[in-house]
Protein backbone atom coordinates (compact mmCIF):
# COMPACT_ATOMS: atom_id res chain seq x y z
CA UNK A 1 -3.07 -16.94 24.65
CA UNK A 2 -1.29 -20.18 25.40
CA UNK A 3 -0.75 -21.37 28.92
CA UNK A 4 3.02 -21.75 28.50
CA UNK A 5 3.78 -18.49 30.25
CA UNK A 6 5.86 -17.20 27.34
CA UNK A 7 5.31 -13.57 26.62
CA UNK A 8 4.85 -12.46 23.03
CA UNK A 9 7.76 -10.77 21.28
CA UNK A 10 7.17 -7.04 20.83
CA UNK A 11 8.14 -5.18 17.68
CA UNK A 12 11.10 -3.39 19.30
CA UNK A 13 12.56 -6.71 20.44
CA UNK A 14 11.90 -8.27 17.05
CA UNK A 15 13.69 -5.41 15.28
CA UNK A 16 16.65 -5.77 17.63
CA UNK A 17 16.85 -9.50 16.95
CA UNK A 18 16.71 -9.27 13.16
CA UNK A 19 19.17 -6.38 13.04
CA UNK A 20 21.73 -8.45 14.95
CA UNK A 21 21.88 -10.85 12.00
CA UNK A 22 23.38 -8.42 9.51
CA UNK A 23 25.24 -5.13 9.25
CA UNK A 24 23.04 -2.15 8.42
CA UNK A 25 24.33 0.63 6.14
CA UNK A 26 24.17 4.41 6.35
CA UNK A 27 23.06 6.72 3.55
CA UNK A 28 26.51 7.79 2.32
CA UNK A 29 27.83 4.21 2.25
CA UNK A 30 24.69 3.06 0.39
CA UNK A 31 25.11 5.86 -2.14
CA UNK A 32 28.79 5.02 -2.67
CA UNK A 33 28.06 1.29 -3.06
CA UNK A 34 25.30 1.95 -5.59
CA UNK A 35 27.45 4.39 -7.54
CA UNK A 36 30.24 1.81 -7.69
CA UNK A 37 27.80 -0.82 -8.98
CA UNK A 38 28.26 -2.85 -5.79
CA UNK A 39 24.72 -2.63 -4.45
CA UNK A 40 21.14 -2.52 -5.66
CA UNK A 41 19.04 0.08 -3.86
CA UNK A 42 15.43 -1.07 -3.46
CA UNK A 43 12.80 1.47 -2.45
CA UNK A 44 9.83 -0.23 -0.73
CA UNK A 45 7.97 2.95 0.26
CA UNK A 46 4.36 3.12 -0.80
CA UNK A 47 3.32 5.37 -3.67
CA UNK A 48 2.01 8.25 -1.56
CA UNK A 49 5.39 8.66 0.14
CA UNK A 50 7.27 8.43 -3.16
CA UNK A 51 4.93 11.04 -4.65
CA UNK A 52 5.35 13.31 -1.62
CA UNK A 53 9.11 13.03 -1.09
CA UNK A 54 10.56 11.93 -4.43
CA UNK A 55 12.69 9.06 -5.66
CA UNK A 56 16.31 7.99 -5.31
CA UNK A 57 17.76 7.99 -8.83
CA UNK A 58 18.57 4.46 -9.97
CA UNK A 59 16.73 2.73 -7.12
CA UNK A 60 14.47 -0.16 -8.02
CA UNK A 61 10.96 0.58 -6.78
CA UNK A 62 9.22 -2.51 -5.43
CA UNK A 63 6.14 -2.32 -3.26
CA UNK A 64 6.73 -4.09 0.07
CA UNK A 65 4.08 -6.72 -0.61
CA UNK A 66 5.92 -7.75 -3.81
CA UNK A 67 9.50 -7.65 -2.50
CA UNK A 68 10.17 -11.34 -2.00
CA UNK A 69 8.62 -12.28 -5.35
CA UNK A 70 10.61 -9.63 -7.23
CA UNK A 71 14.00 -10.26 -5.58
CA UNK A 72 14.05 -14.06 -5.29
CA UNK A 73 16.62 -15.05 -7.94
CA UNK A 74 14.76 -18.37 -8.38
CA UNK A 75 11.31 -16.81 -8.56
CA UNK A 76 9.10 -16.78 -11.60
CA UNK A 77 8.22 -13.10 -11.00
CA UNK A 78 11.73 -11.86 -10.29
CA UNK A 79 12.96 -8.48 -11.45
CA UNK A 80 15.74 -8.47 -14.02
CA UNK A 81 18.01 -6.98 -11.35
CA UNK A 82 17.61 -10.06 -9.12
CA UNK A 83 20.64 -11.77 -10.62
CA UNK A 84 21.72 -14.08 -7.80
CA UNK A 85 21.84 -14.85 -4.11
CA UNK A 86 25.12 -12.96 -3.71
CA UNK A 87 23.50 -9.69 -4.82
CA UNK A 88 24.00 -6.89 -2.29
CA UNK A 89 20.55 -5.41 -1.76
CA UNK A 90 19.93 -2.27 0.30
CA UNK A 91 16.26 -2.05 1.26
CA UNK A 92 14.95 1.46 1.83
CA UNK A 93 11.70 2.37 3.56
CA UNK A 94 10.70 5.77 4.89
CA UNK A 95 12.50 5.78 8.25
CA UNK A 96 14.37 2.46 8.49
CA UNK A 97 11.97 0.21 10.38
CA UNK A 98 9.96 -1.79 7.82
CA UNK A 99 13.15 -2.16 5.79
CA UNK A 100 14.78 -4.12 8.62
CA UNK A 101 11.99 -6.70 8.59
CA UNK A 102 12.14 -6.78 4.78
CA UNK A 103 15.91 -7.39 4.80
CA UNK A 104 15.43 -10.23 7.29
CA UNK A 105 12.86 -11.77 4.96
CA UNK A 106 15.32 -11.56 2.04
CA UNK A 107 17.91 -13.34 4.19
CA UNK A 108 15.41 -16.20 4.59
CA UNK A 109 15.33 -16.44 0.77
CA UNK A 110 19.12 -16.84 0.72
CA UNK A 111 20.02 -13.24 -0.13
CA UNK A 112 22.71 -13.27 2.55
CA UNK A 113 24.08 -9.81 1.65
CA UNK A 114 20.73 -8.03 2.00
CA UNK A 115 20.72 -5.08 4.37
CA UNK A 116 18.73 -1.95 5.01
CA UNK A 117 19.35 1.77 5.19
CA UNK A 118 19.63 3.20 8.70
CA UNK A 119 17.05 6.00 8.93
CA UNK A 120 15.53 5.10 5.56
CA UNK A 121 14.70 7.59 2.84
CA UNK A 122 14.51 10.42 5.36
CA UNK A 123 18.17 9.86 6.31
CA UNK A 124 19.11 9.77 2.61
CA UNK A 125 17.35 13.09 2.04
CA UNK A 126 18.83 14.64 5.21
CA UNK A 127 22.34 13.65 4.01
CA UNK A 128 21.77 15.76 0.91
CA UNK A 129 22.00 12.78 -1.44
CA UNK A 130 20.25 12.88 -4.85
CA UNK A 131 16.46 12.83 -4.99
CA UNK A 132 14.27 13.40 -8.03
């Protein structure tokens, strides 16, 4: 630990800070935006959770450790869906925590409209939205 007297940032404080930088979206609004072709839903849950709980129809599945490489419009490993920096991306994790950090990382890549789903996949499912 450094002698500067600064205390480390805890995860709750970090989440609060990154979430202040963009507007999060709820399940119904995310569904409506995706249905209208105005947003790309990106499921970053790991395989065991997808196998257990199902998938959101039409969502792009990208493991969290590949997210930046797959969604960077300038990247050599980008997904076909990563069409530009103005793309509205809605990142979805299981409960809406990891997705906030992922959305903040996408902002650093210039994806200024990236956001995440409040409550994650569990909120989507609880809202009665489609799951396969």
